[in-house]
Amino acid sequence: MELLKAYINENYYIFIPVLWVIGYALKQTPLIPNWLIIWILLVFSIILGTWITGFHLSTIINGILVTGVAVLGHQMMAHMPFKK
């Protein structure tokens, strides 16, 4: 957790559950292929970050990192051995 705090701006922490909800909604949409969901989430997080904090290189980096954490967290939960 400390490693994430070192690299991700605290204003972006709320993006992770938001991206999970959007990703879930996109997953339920039959017209959107699975490979496209991560790209939609990435663009959304960068646009949202730009809207909140302004456009900087750190905005793009934080958008990429937050999207990665959200997708990795979802994949870890989806493939847990105890899940039925």
Protein backbone atom coordinates (compact mmCIF):
# COMPACT_ATOMS: atom_id res chain seq x y z
CA MET A 1 0.00 0.00 0.00
CA GLU A 2 2.83 2.37 0.76
CA LEU A 3 4.19 1.83 -2.72
CA LEU A 4 0.89 2.95 -4.24
CA LYS A 5 0.82 6.01 -2.00
CA ALA A 6 4.27 6.94 -3.26
CA TYR A 7 3.22 6.97 -6.90
CA ILE A 8 -0.52 7.67 -7.07
CA ASN A 9 -1.91 11.07 -6.12
CA GLU A 10 -4.45 10.78 -3.31
CA ASN A 11 -7.06 12.57 -5.46
CA TYR A 12 -7.07 9.50 -7.72
CA TYR A 13 -7.89 6.87 -5.07
CA ILE A 14 -11.62 7.35 -5.63
CA PHE A 15 -11.14 6.46 -9.31
CA ILE A 16 -10.52 2.79 -8.48
CA PRO A 17 -14.06 1.91 -7.34
CA VAL A 18 -15.49 4.21 -10.02
CA LEU A 19 -13.54 2.33 -12.68
CA TRP A 20 -14.72 -1.00 -11.21
CA VAL A 21 -18.35 0.06 -11.55
CA ILE A 22 -17.86 1.37 -15.08
CA GLY A 23 -15.92 -1.76 -16.03
CA TYR A 24 -18.69 -3.96 -14.66
CA ALA A 25 -21.29 -2.05 -16.66
CA LEU A 26 -19.17 -2.33 -19.80
CA LYS A 27 -18.69 -6.06 -19.20
CA GLN A 28 -22.49 -6.50 -19.17
CA THR A 29 -22.83 -4.66 -22.50
CA PRO A 30 -22.82 -7.26 -25.30
CA LEU A 31 -21.71 -4.81 -28.00
CA ILE A 32 -18.38 -4.02 -26.33
CA PRO A 33 -15.66 -6.69 -26.63
CA ASN A 34 -13.65 -7.52 -23.51
CA TRP A 35 -10.34 -6.31 -24.95
CA LEU A 36 -11.81 -2.83 -25.44
CA ILE A 37 -12.90 -2.36 -21.81
CA ILE A 38 -9.42 -1.60 -20.47
CA TRP A 39 -8.87 1.05 -23.16
CA ILE A 40 -12.20 2.70 -22.37
CA LEU A 41 -11.32 2.73 -18.67
CA LEU A 42 -7.89 4.20 -19.41
CA VAL A 43 -9.27 7.02 -21.55
CA PHE A 44 -12.02 7.70 -19.00
CA SER A 45 -9.55 7.91 -16.10
CA ILE A 46 -7.25 10.29 -17.98
CA ILE A 47 -10.16 12.52 -19.03
CA LEU A 48 -11.62 12.52 -15.53
CA GLY A 49 -8.21 13.26 -14.02
CA THR A 50 -7.67 16.09 -16.46
CA TRP A 51 -11.05 17.53 -15.54
CA ILE A 52 -10.30 17.36 -11.81
CA THR A 53 -6.60 18.29 -11.59
CA GLY A 54 -5.77 19.83 -14.98
CA PHE A 55 -3.63 18.45 -17.76
CA HIS A 56 -0.12 17.47 -16.72
CA LEU A 57 2.17 14.54 -17.38
CA SER A 58 1.35 13.35 -13.87
CA THR A 59 -2.34 13.22 -14.84
CA ILE A 60 -1.59 10.72 -17.58
CA ILE A 61 0.70 8.68 -15.33
CA ASN A 62 -1.84 8.61 -12.50
CA GLY A 63 -4.59 7.64 -14.95
CA ILE A 64 -2.51 4.73 -16.21
CA LEU A 65 -1.61 3.59 -12.68
CA VAL A 66 -5.16 3.83 -11.35
CA THR A 67 -6.52 1.94 -14.35
CA GLY A 68 -3.89 -0.74 -13.81
CA VAL A 69 -4.77 -1.07 -10.13
CA ALA A 70 -8.49 -1.28 -10.91
CA VAL A 71 -8.07 -3.90 -13.63
CA LEU A 72 -5.54 -5.92 -11.61
CA GLY A 73 -7.80 -5.80 -8.55
CA HIS A 74 -10.75 -6.99 -10.60
CA GLN A 75 -8.75 -9.83 -12.14
CA MET A 76 -7.43 -10.91 -8.74
CA MET A 77 -10.97 -11.05 -7.35
CA ALA A 78 -12.34 -12.80 -10.43
CA HIS A 79 -9.75 -15.58 -10.34
CA MET A 80 -9.54 -16.31 -6.63
CA PRO A 81 -9.46 -20.05 -5.93
CA PHE A 82 -12.35 -19.92 -3.46
CA LYS A 83 -14.73 -18.26 -5.90
CA LYS A 84 -17.50 -20.54 -7.17
